[in-house]
PDB file of all heavy atoms in Angstrom:
ATOM      1  N   PRO A   1      96.042 236.739 173.471  1.00  0.00           N
ATOM      2  CA  PRO A   1      95.685 237.719 172.444  1.00  0.00           C
ATOM      3  C   PRO A   1      95.003 237.051 171.247  1.00  0.00           C
ATOM      4  O   PRO A   1      95.166 235.847 171.011  1.00  0.00           O
ATOM      5  CB  PRO A   1      97.041 238.310 172.022  1.00  0.00           C
ATOM      6  CG  PRO A   1      98.015 237.846 173.067  1.00  0.00           C
ATOM      7  CD  PRO A   1      97.480 236.559 173.596  1.00  0.00           C
ATOM      8  N   ASP A   2      94.257 237.838 170.513  1.00  0.00           N
ATOM      9  CA  ASP A   2      93.623 237.372 169.278  1.00  0.00           C
ATOM     10  C   ASP A   2      94.321 238.029 168.100  1.00  0.00           C
ATOM     11  O   ASP A   2      94.143 239.219 167.840  1.00  0.00           O
ATOM     12  CB  ASP A   2      92.131 237.733 169.275  1.00  0.00           C
ATOM     13  CG  ASP A   2      91.396 237.131 168.087  1.00  0.00           C
ATOM     14  OD1 ASP A   2      92.036 236.465 167.249  1.00  0.00           O
ATOM     15  OD2 ASP A   2      90.164 237.328 168.003  1.00  0.00           O
ATOM     16  N   ALA A   3      95.128 237.248 167.378  1.00  0.00           N
ATOM     17  CA  ALA A   3      95.832 237.805 166.221  1.00  0.00           C
ATOM     18  C   ALA A   3      94.867 238.330 165.165  1.00  0.00           C
ATOM     19  O   ALA A   3      95.229 239.198 164.363  1.00  0.00           O
ATOM     20  CB  ALA A   3      96.756 236.756 165.605  1.00  0.00           C
ATOM     21  N   LEU A   4      93.629 237.822 165.168  1.00  0.00           N
ATOM     22  CA  LEU A   4      92.645 238.249 164.171  1.00  0.00           C
ATOM     23  C   LEU A   4      91.909 239.524 164.567  1.00  0.00           C
ATOM     24  O   LEU A   4      91.071 240.008 163.797  1.00  0.00           O
ATOM     25  CB  LEU A   4      91.618 237.122 163.920  1.00  0.00           C
ATOM     26  CG  LEU A   4      92.137 235.887 163.186  1.00  0.00           C
ATOM     27  CD1 LEU A   4      91.019 234.856 163.034  1.00  0.00           C
ATOM     28  CD2 LEU A   4      92.696 236.254 161.816  1.00  0.00           C
ATOM     29  N   TYR A   5      92.191 240.057 165.724  1.00  0.00           N
ATOM     30  CA  TYR A   5      91.482 241.260 166.174  1.00  0.00           C
ATOM     31  C   TYR A   5      91.538 242.392 165.148  1.00  0.00           C
ATOM     32  O   TYR A   5      90.506 243.042 164.895  1.00  0.00           O
ATOM     33  CB  TYR A   5      92.042 241.717 167.519  1.00  0.00           C
ATOM     34  CG  TYR A   5      91.482 243.033 167.998  1.00  0.00           C
ATOM     35  CD1 TYR A   5      90.127 243.168 168.325  1.00  0.00           C
ATOM     36  CD2 TYR A   5      92.303 244.159 168.120  1.00  0.00           C
ATOM     37  CE1 TYR A   5      89.612 244.378 168.763  1.00  0.00           C
ATOM     38  CE2 TYR A   5      91.791 245.372 168.563  1.00  0.00           C
ATOM     39  CZ  TYR A   5      90.452 245.484 168.877  1.00  0.00           C
ATOM     40  OH  TYR A   5      89.942 246.685 169.300  1.00  0.00           O
ATOM     41  N   PRO A   6      92.675 242.667 164.500  1.00  0.00           N
ATOM     42  CA  PRO A   6      92.707 243.746 163.513  1.00  0.00           C
ATOM     43  C   PRO A   6      91.793 243.494 162.309  1.00  0.00           C
ATOM     44  O   PRO A   6      91.446 244.433 161.580  1.00  0.00           O
ATOM     45  CB  PRO A   6      94.173 243.788 163.066  1.00  0.00           C
ATOM     46  CG  PRO A   6      94.926 243.108 164.153  1.00  0.00           C
ATOM     47  CD  PRO A   6      94.005 242.067 164.687  1.00  0.00           C
ATOM     48  N   LEU A   7      91.399 242.220 162.111  1.00  0.00           N
ATOM     49  CA  LEU A   7      90.533 241.861 160.978  1.00  0.00           C
ATOM     50  C   LEU A   7      89.113 241.564 161.432  1.00  0.00           C
ATOM     51  O   LEU A   7      88.342 240.941 160.704  1.00  0.00           O
ATOM     52  CB  LEU A   7      91.125 240.651 160.242  1.00  0.00           C
ATOM     53  CG  LEU A   7      92.585 240.790 159.782  1.00  0.00           C
ATOM     54  CD1 LEU A   7      93.049 239.530 159.074  1.00  0.00           C
ATOM     55  CD2 LEU A   7      92.753 242.002 158.869  1.00  0.00           C
ATOM     56  N   GLY A   8      88.775 242.000 162.638  1.00  0.00           N
ATOM     57  CA  GLY A   8      87.425 241.798 163.151  1.00  0.00           C
ATOM     58  C   GLY A   8      87.313 240.741 164.216  1.00  0.00           C
ATOM     59  O   GLY A   8      86.231 240.532 164.774  1.00  0.00           O
ATOM     60  N   GLY A   9      88.413 240.035 164.519  1.00  0.00           N
ATOM     61  CA  GLY A   9      88.396 239.013 165.561  1.00  0.00           C
ATOM     62  C   GLY A   9      88.010 237.639 165.044  1.00  0.00           C
ATOM     63  O   GLY A   9      87.620 237.469 163.881  1.00  0.00           O
ATOM     64  N   TYR A  10      88.130 236.655 165.915  1.00  0.00           N
ATOM     65  CA  TYR A  10      87.739 235.295 165.565  1.00  0.00           C
ATOM     66  C   TYR A  10      86.289 235.298 165.088  1.00  0.00           C
ATOM     67  O   TYR A  10      85.388 235.734 165.820  1.00  0.00           O
ATOM     68  CB  TYR A  10      87.906 234.368 166.772  1.00  0.00           C
ATOM     69  CG  TYR A  10      87.365 232.984 166.552  1.00  0.00           C
ATOM     70  CD1 TYR A  10      87.984 232.099 165.674  1.00  0.00           C
ATOM     71  CD2 TYR A  10      86.205 232.549 167.194  1.00  0.00           C
ATOM     72  CE1 TYR A  10      87.479 230.833 165.455  1.00  0.00           C
ATOM     73  CE2 TYR A  10      85.693 231.278 166.994  1.00  0.00           C
ATOM     74  CZ  TYR A  10      86.333 230.422 166.115  1.00  0.00           C
ATOM     75  OH  TYR A  10      85.823 229.162 165.891  1.00  0.00           O
ATOM     76  N   PRO A  11      86.023 234.787 163.859  1.00  0.00           N
ATOM     77  CA  PRO A  11      84.686 234.941 163.273  1.00  0.00           C
ATOM     78  C   PRO A  11      83.670 233.887 163.682  1.00  0.00           C
ATOM     79  O   PRO A  11      82.511 233.960 163.269  1.00  0.00           O
ATOM     80  CB  PRO A  11      84.976 234.846 161.774  1.00  0.00           C
ATOM     81  CG  PRO A  11      86.158 233.941 161.678  1.00  0.00           C
ATOM     82  CD  PRO A  11      86.988 234.232 162.893  1.00  0.00           C
ATOM     83  N   GLY A  12      84.073 232.911 164.478  1.00  0.00           N
ATOM     84  CA  GLY A  12      83.133 231.881 164.898  1.00  0.00           C
ATOM     85  C   GLY A  12      82.986 230.742 163.910  1.00  0.00           C
ATOM     86  O   GLY A  12      82.204 229.828 164.135  1.00  0.00           O
ATOM     87  N   ASP A  13      83.736 230.773 162.839  1.00  0.00           N
ATOM     88  CA  ASP A  13      83.694 229.737 161.800  1.00  0.00           C
ATOM     89  C   ASP A  13      85.142 229.364 161.474  1.00  0.00           C
ATOM     90  O   ASP A  13      85.949 230.232 161.158  1.00  0.00           O
ATOM     91  CB  ASP A  13      82.973 230.260 160.560  1.00  0.00           C
ATOM     92  CG  ASP A  13      82.974 229.267 159.416  1.00  0.00           C
ATOM     93  OD1 ASP A  13      83.961 229.241 158.661  1.00  0.00           O
ATOM     94  OD2 ASP A  13      82.001 228.522 159.279  1.00  0.00           O
ATOM     95  N   GLU A  14      85.438 228.057 161.537  1.00  0.00           N
ATOM     96  CA  GLU A  14      86.826 227.619 161.379  1.00  0.00           C
ATOM     97  C   GLU A  14      87.402 227.947 160.007  1.00  0.00           C
ATOM     98  O   GLU A  14      88.537 228.420 159.884  1.00  0.00           O
ATOM     99  CB  GLU A  14      86.922 226.112 161.638  1.00  0.00           C
ATOM    100  CG  GLU A  14      86.584 225.709 163.054  1.00  0.00           C
ATOM    101  CD  GLU A  14      87.605 226.224 164.059  1.00  0.00           C
ATOM    102  OE1 GLU A  14      88.741 225.736 164.071  1.00  0.00           O
ATOM    103  OE2 GLU A  14      87.257 227.135 164.835  1.00  0.00           O
ATOM    104  N   ASP A  15      86.636 227.694 158.948  1.00  0.00           N
ATOM    105  CA  ASP A  15      87.135 227.966 157.599  1.00  0.00           C
ATOM    106  C   ASP A  15      87.377 229.458 157.396  1.00  0.00           C
ATOM    107  O   ASP A  15      88.407 229.870 156.849  1.00  0.00           O
ATOM    108  CB  ASP A  15      86.152 227.444 156.545  1.00  0.00           C
ATOM    109  CG  ASP A  15      86.195 225.928 156.409  1.00  0.00           C
ATOM    110  OD1 ASP A  15      87.195 225.331 156.847  1.00  0.00           O
ATOM    111  OD2 ASP A  15      85.233 225.348 155.877  1.00  0.00           O
ATOM    112  N   LYS A  16      86.430 230.282 157.831  1.00  0.00           N
ATOM    113  CA  LYS A  16      86.603 231.728 157.699  1.00  0.00           C
ATOM    114  C   LYS A  16      87.806 232.209 158.508  1.00  0.00           C
ATOM    115  O   LYS A  16      88.552 233.092 158.075  1.00  0.00           O
ATOM    116  CB  LYS A  16      85.337 232.456 158.153  1.00  0.00           C
ATOM    117  CG  LYS A  16      84.152 232.281 157.220  1.00  0.00           C
ATOM    118  CD  LYS A  16      82.930 233.008 157.761  1.00  0.00           C
ATOM    119  CE  LYS A  16      81.724 232.814 156.843  1.00  0.00           C
ATOM    120  NZ  LYS A  16      80.505 233.455 157.413  1.00  0.00           N
ATOM    121  N   ALA A  17      87.987 231.623 159.683  1.00  0.00           N
ATOM    122  CA  ALA A  17      89.110 232.011 160.539  1.00  0.00           C
ATOM    123  C   ALA A  17      90.436 231.711 159.861  1.00  0.00           C
ATOM    124  O   ALA A  17      91.354 232.551 159.862  1.00  0.00           O
ATOM    125  CB  ALA A  17      89.015 231.290 161.874  1.00  0.00           C
ATOM    126  N   ARG A  18      90.553 230.523 159.271  1.00  0.00           N
ATOM    127  CA  ARG A  18      91.803 230.170 158.582  1.00  0.00           C
ATOM    128  C   ARG A  18      92.045 231.083 157.386  1.00  0.00           C
ATOM    129  O   ARG A  18      93.185 231.493 157.124  1.00  0.00           O
ATOM    130  CB  ARG A  18      91.766 228.710 158.137  1.00  0.00           C
ATOM    131  CG  ARG A  18      92.095 227.722 159.238  1.00  0.00           C
ATOM    132  CD  ARG A  18      92.277 226.326 158.686  1.00  0.00           C
ATOM    133  NE  ARG A  18      91.031 225.765 158.211  1.00  0.00           N
ATOM    134  CZ  ARG A  18      90.197 225.043 158.949  1.00  0.00           C
ATOM    135  NH1 ARG A  18      90.495 224.808 160.220  1.00  0.00           N
ATOM    136  NH2 ARG A  18      89.093 224.558 158.462  1.00  0.00           N
ATOM    137  N   GLN A  19      90.980 231.392 156.653  1.00  0.00           N
ATOM    138  CA  GLN A  19      91.135 232.279 155.495  1.00  0.00           C
ATOM    139  C   GLN A  19      91.599 233.658 155.932  1.00  0.00           C
ATOM    140  O   GLN A  19      92.509 234.245 155.329  1.00  0.00           O
ATOM    141  CB  GLN A  19      89.811 232.360 154.733  1.00  0.00           C
ATOM    142  CG  GLN A  19      89.431 231.069 154.023  1.00  0.00           C
ATOM    143  CD  GLN A  19      87.979 231.046 153.572  1.00  0.00           C
ATOM    144  OE1 GLN A  19      87.270 232.061 153.662  1.00  0.00           O
ATOM    145  NE2 GLN A  19      87.519 229.898 153.110  1.00  0.00           N
ATOM    146  N   LEU A  20      90.993 234.195 156.983  1.00  0.00           N
ATOM    147  CA  LEU A  20      91.417 235.492 157.506  1.00  0.00           C
ATOM    148  C   LEU A  20      92.862 235.447 157.980  1.00  0.00           C
ATOM    149  O   LEU A  20      93.637 236.377 157.733  1.00  0.00           O
ATOM    150  CB  LEU A  20      90.516 235.899 158.678  1.00  0.00           C
ATOM    151  CG  LEU A  20      89.166 236.536 158.368  1.00  0.00           C
ATOM    152  CD1 LEU A  20      88.389 236.750 159.661  1.00  0.00           C
ATOM    153  CD2 LEU A  20      89.342 237.868 157.643  1.00  0.00           C
ATOM    154  N   PHE A  21      93.209 234.369 158.645  1.00  0.00           N
ATOM    155  CA  PHE A  21      94.543 234.252 159.220  1.00  0.00           C
ATOM    156  C   PHE A  21      95.614 234.352 158.136  1.00  0.00           C
ATOM    157  O   PHE A  21      96.685 234.929 158.362  1.00  0.00           O
ATOM    158  CB  PHE A  21      94.673 232.937 159.976  1.00  0.00           C
ATOM    159  CG  PHE A  21      95.662 232.987 161.091  1.00  0.00           C
ATOM    160  CD1 PHE A  21      95.298 233.463 162.339  1.00  0.00           C
ATOM    161  CD2 PHE A  21      96.972 232.568 160.907  1.00  0.00           C
ATOM    162  CE1 PHE A  21      96.207 233.531 163.382  1.00  0.00           C
ATOM    163  CE2 PHE A  21      97.887 232.633 161.937  1.00  0.00           C
ATOM    164  CZ  PHE A  21      97.514 233.112 163.180  1.00  0.00           C
ATOM    165  N   GLY A  22      95.308 233.792 156.971  1.00  0.00           N
ATOM    166  CA  GLY A  22      96.268 233.819 155.879  1.00  0.00           C
ATOM    167  C   GLY A  22      96.515 235.201 155.313  1.00  0.00           C
ATOM    168  O   GLY A  22      97.478 235.402 154.561  1.00  0.00           O
ATOM    169  N   THR A  23      95.673 236.168 155.660  1.00  0.00           N
ATOM    170  CA  THR A  23      95.831 237.525 155.133  1.00  0.00           C
ATOM    171  C   THR A  23      96.553 238.452 156.111  1.00  0.00           C
ATOM    172  O   THR A  23      96.786 239.621 155.794  1.00  0.00           O
ATOM    173  CB  THR A  23      94.460 238.144 154.789  1.00  0.00           C
ATOM    174  OG1 THR A  23      93.719 238.372 155.997  1.00  0.00           O
ATOM    175  CG2 THR A  23      93.651 237.223 153.883  1.00  0.00           C
ATOM    176  N   LEU A  24      96.900 237.949 157.299  1.00  0.00           N
ATOM    177  CA  LEU A  24      97.586 238.788 158.281  1.00  0.00           C
ATOM    178  C   LEU A  24      98.981 239.170 157.804  1.00  0.00           C
ATOM    179  O   LEU A  24      99.668 238.389 157.134  1.00  0.00           O
ATOM    180  CB  LEU A  24      97.713 238.050 159.615  1.00  0.00           C
ATOM    181  CG  LEU A  24      96.470 237.947 160.495  1.00  0.00           C
ATOM    182  CD1 LEU A  24      96.731 236.973 161.641  1.00  0.00           C
ATOM    183  CD2 LEU A  24      96.066 239.314 161.036  1.00  0.00           C
ATOM    184  N   ASP A  25      99.407 240.363 158.181  1.00  0.00           N
ATOM    185  CA  ASP A  25     100.793 240.786 158.016  1.00  0.00           C
ATOM    186  C   ASP A  25     101.558 240.196 159.200  1.00  0.00           C
ATOM    187  O   ASP A  25     101.475 240.708 160.315  1.00  0.00           O
ATOM    188  CB  ASP A  25     100.877 242.317 158.010  1.00  0.00           C
ATOM    189  CG  ASP A  25     102.291 242.838 157.834  1.00  0.00           C
ATOM    190  OD1 ASP A  25     103.248 242.138 158.234  1.00  0.00           O
ATOM    191  OD2 ASP A  25     102.447 243.958 157.315  1.00  0.00           O
ATOM    192  N   GLN A  26     102.284 239.114 158.955  1.00  0.00           N
ATOM    193  CA  GLN A  26     102.900 238.394 160.073  1.00  0.00           C
ATOM    194  C   GLN A  26     103.966 239.217 160.793  1.00  0.00           C
ATOM    195  O   GLN A  26     104.215 238.995 161.983  1.00  0.00           O
ATOM    196  CB  GLN A  26     103.480 237.066 159.589  1.00  0.00           C
ATOM    197  CG  GLN A  26     102.423 235.991 159.349  1.00  0.00           C
ATOM    198  CD  GLN A  26     101.661 235.615 160.604  1.00  0.00           C
ATOM    199  OE1 GLN A  26     102.207 235.634 161.710  1.00  0.00           O
ATOM    200  NE2 GLN A  26     100.386 235.271 160.458  1.00  0.00           N
ATOM    201  N   ASP A  27     104.599 240.153 160.121  1.00  0.00           N
ATOM    202  CA  ASP A  27     105.552 241.020 160.813  1.00  0.00           C
ATOM    203  C   ASP A  27     104.839 241.831 161.892  1.00  0.00           C
ATOM    204  O   ASP A  27     105.333 241.967 163.021  1.00  0.00           O
ATOM    205  CB  ASP A  27     106.242 241.961 159.826  1.00  0.00           C
ATOM    206  CG  ASP A  27     107.235 241.236 158.923  1.00  0.00           C
ATOM    207  OD1 ASP A  27     107.721 240.156 159.327  1.00  0.00           O
ATOM    208  OD2 ASP A  27     107.535 241.742 157.830  1.00  0.00           O
ATOM    209  N   LYS A  28     103.663 242.367 161.556  1.00  0.00           N
ATOM    210  CA  LYS A  28     102.885 243.120 162.542  1.00  0.00           C
ATOM    211  C   LYS A  28     102.348 242.199 163.636  1.00  0.00           C
ATOM    212  O   LYS A  28     102.334 242.570 164.821  1.00  0.00           O
ATOM    213  CB  LYS A  28     101.732 243.851 161.857  1.00  0.00           C
ATOM    214  CG  LYS A  28     102.163 245.006 160.957  1.00  0.00           C
ATOM    215  CD  LYS A  28     100.951 245.713 160.369  1.00  0.00           C
ATOM    216  CE  LYS A  28     101.381 246.892 159.497  1.00  0.00           C
ATOM    217  NZ  LYS A  28     100.214 247.590 158.915  1.00  0.00           N
ATOM    218  N   THR A  29     101.907 241.020 163.244  1.00  0.00           N
ATOM    219  CA  THR A  29     101.368 240.082 164.223  1.00  0.00           C
ATOM    220  C   THR A  29     102.439 239.670 165.220  1.00  0.00           C
ATOM    221  O   THR A  29     102.188 239.597 166.437  1.00  0.00           O
ATOM    222  CB  THR A  29     100.787 238.846 163.517  1.00  0.00           C
ATOM    223  OG1 THR A  29      99.705 239.248 162.681  1.00  0.00           O
ATOM    224  CG2 THR A  29     100.283 237.818 164.524  1.00  0.00           C
ATOM    225  N   ARG A  30     103.644 239.397 164.735  1.00  0.00           N
ATOM    226  CA  ARG A  30     104.726 239.044 165.652  1.00  0.00           C
ATOM    227  C   ARG A  30     105.002 240.180 166.639  1.00  0.00           C
ATOM    228  O   ARG A  30     105.248 239.938 167.820  1.00  0.00           O
ATOM    229  CB  ARG A  30     105.986 238.684 164.861  1.00  0.00           C
ATOM    230  CG  ARG A  30     105.936 237.288 164.241  1.00  0.00           C
ATOM    231  CD  ARG A  30     107.268 236.889 163.662  1.00  0.00           C
ATOM    232  NE  ARG A  30     107.519 237.540 162.381  1.00  0.00           N
ATOM    233  CZ  ARG A  30     107.217 237.025 161.197  1.00  0.00           C
ATOM    234  NH1 ARG A  30     106.635 235.843 161.127  1.00  0.00           N
ATOM    235  NH2 ARG A  30     107.483 237.675 160.076  1.00  0.00           N
ATOM    236  N   GLN A  31     104.934 241.405 166.157  1.00  0.00           N
ATOM    237  CA  GLN A  31     105.138 242.545 167.052  1.00  0.00           C
ATOM    238  C   GLN A  31     104.018 242.637 168.090  1.00  0.00           C
ATOM    239  O   GLN A  31     104.256 243.032 169.243  1.00  0.00           O
ATOM    240  CB  GLN A  31     105.235 243.845 166.252  1.00  0.00           C
ATOM    241  CG  GLN A  31     106.515 243.974 165.434  1.00  0.00           C
ATOM    242  CD  GLN A  31     107.767 243.947 166.296  1.00  0.00           C
ATOM    243  OE1 GLN A  31     107.804 244.532 167.373  1.00  0.00           O
ATOM    244  NE2 GLN A  31     108.794 243.264 165.807  1.00  0.00           N
ATOM    245  N   ASP A  32     102.799 242.268 167.700  1.00  0.00           N
ATOM    246  CA  ASP A  32     101.692 242.254 168.665  1.00  0.00           C
ATOM    247  C   ASP A  32     101.960 241.253 169.789  1.00  0.00           C
ATOM    248  O   ASP A  32     101.662 241.525 170.959  1.00  0.00           O
ATOM    249  CB  ASP A  32     100.373 241.920 167.969  1.00  0.00           C
ATOM    250  CG  ASP A  32      99.777 243.098 167.216  1.00  0.00           C
ATOM    251  OD1 ASP A  32     100.186 244.242 167.479  1.00  0.00           O
ATOM    252  OD2 ASP A  32      98.894 242.865 166.360  1.00  0.00           O
ATOM    253  N   PHE A  33     102.516 240.097 169.441  1.00  0.00           N
ATOM    254  CA  PHE A  33     102.798 239.104 170.480  1.00  0.00           C
ATOM    255  C   PHE A  33     103.983 239.519 171.342  1.00  0.00           C
ATOM    256  O   PHE A  33     103.999 239.263 172.556  1.00  0.00           O
ATOM    257  CB  PHE A  33     103.010 237.718 169.860  1.00  0.00           C
ATOM    258  CG  PHE A  33     101.718 237.043 169.485  1.00  0.00           C
ATOM    259  CD1 PHE A  33     101.346 236.895 168.158  1.00  0.00           C
ATOM    260  CD2 PHE A  33     100.865 236.565 170.470  1.00  0.00           C
ATOM    261  CE1 PHE A  33     100.151 236.284 167.819  1.00  0.00           C
ATOM    262  CE2 PHE A  33      99.655 235.956 170.135  1.00  0.00           C
ATOM    263  CZ  PHE A  33      99.304 235.816 168.806  1.00  0.00           C
ATOM    264  N   ILE A  34     104.976 240.163 170.753  1.00  0.00           N
ATOM    265  CA  ILE A  34     106.072 240.708 171.558  1.00  0.00           C
ATOM    266  C   ILE A  34     105.528 241.739 172.547  1.00  0.00           C
ATOM    267  O   ILE A  34     105.880 241.737 173.736  1.00  0.00           O
ATOM    268  CB  ILE A  34     107.149 241.327 170.652  1.00  0.00           C
ATOM    269  CG1 ILE A  34     107.918 240.224 169.920  1.00  0.00           C
ATOM    270  CG2 ILE A  34     108.115 242.197 171.462  1.00  0.00           C
ATOM    271  CD1 ILE A  34     108.900 240.732 168.866  1.00  0.00           C
ATOM    272  N   GLU A  35     104.646 242.615 172.058  1.00  0.00           N
ATOM    273  CA  GLU A  35     104.052 243.630 172.932  1.00  0.00           C
ATOM    274  C   GLU A  35     103.213 242.977 174.029  1.00  0.00           C
ATOM    275  O   GLU A  35     103.152 243.483 175.165  1.00  0.00           O
ATOM    276  CB  GLU A  35     103.201 244.599 172.110  1.00  0.00           C
ATOM    277  CG  GLU A  35     102.623 245.766 172.903  1.00  0.00           C
ATOM    278  CD  GLU A  35     103.684 246.656 173.522  1.00  0.00           C
ATOM    279  OE1 GLU A  35     104.805 246.745 172.965  1.00  0.00           O
ATOM    280  OE2 GLU A  35     103.397 247.269 174.570  1.00  0.00           O
ATOM    281  N   SER A  36     102.587 241.853 173.726  1.00  0.00           N
ATOM    282  CA  SER A  36     101.781 241.150 174.733  1.00  0.00           C
ATOM    283  C   SER A  36     102.644 240.685 175.904  1.00  0.00           C
ATOM    284  O   SER A  36     102.212 240.719 177.063  1.00  0.00           O
ATOM    285  CB  SER A  36     101.070 239.956 174.099  1.00  0.00           C
ATOM    286  OG  SER A  36     100.143 240.371 173.118  1.00  0.00           O
ATOM    287  N   VAL A  37     103.862 240.231 175.601  1.00  0.00           N
ATOM    288  CA  VAL A  37     104.786 239.861 176.679  1.00  0.00           C
ATOM    289  C   VAL A  37     105.107 241.086 177.535  1.00  0.00           C
ATOM    290  O   VAL A  37     105.099 241.026 178.772  1.00  0.00           O
ATOM    291  CB  VAL A  37     106.070 239.240 176.111  1.00  0.00           C
ATOM    292  CG1 VAL A  37     107.092 239.004 177.228  1.00  0.00           C
ATOM    293  CG2 VAL A  37     105.768 237.928 175.402  1.00  0.00           C
TER     294      VAL A  37
END
């Protein structure tokens, strides 16, 4: 899964990806990975 999908997906740039990642709601992201299982 791509945790960044709700924010537009992996942007193709490492710095932008890390910046986006820091804005995720980790409670929701954890639920996305549970659902993936």
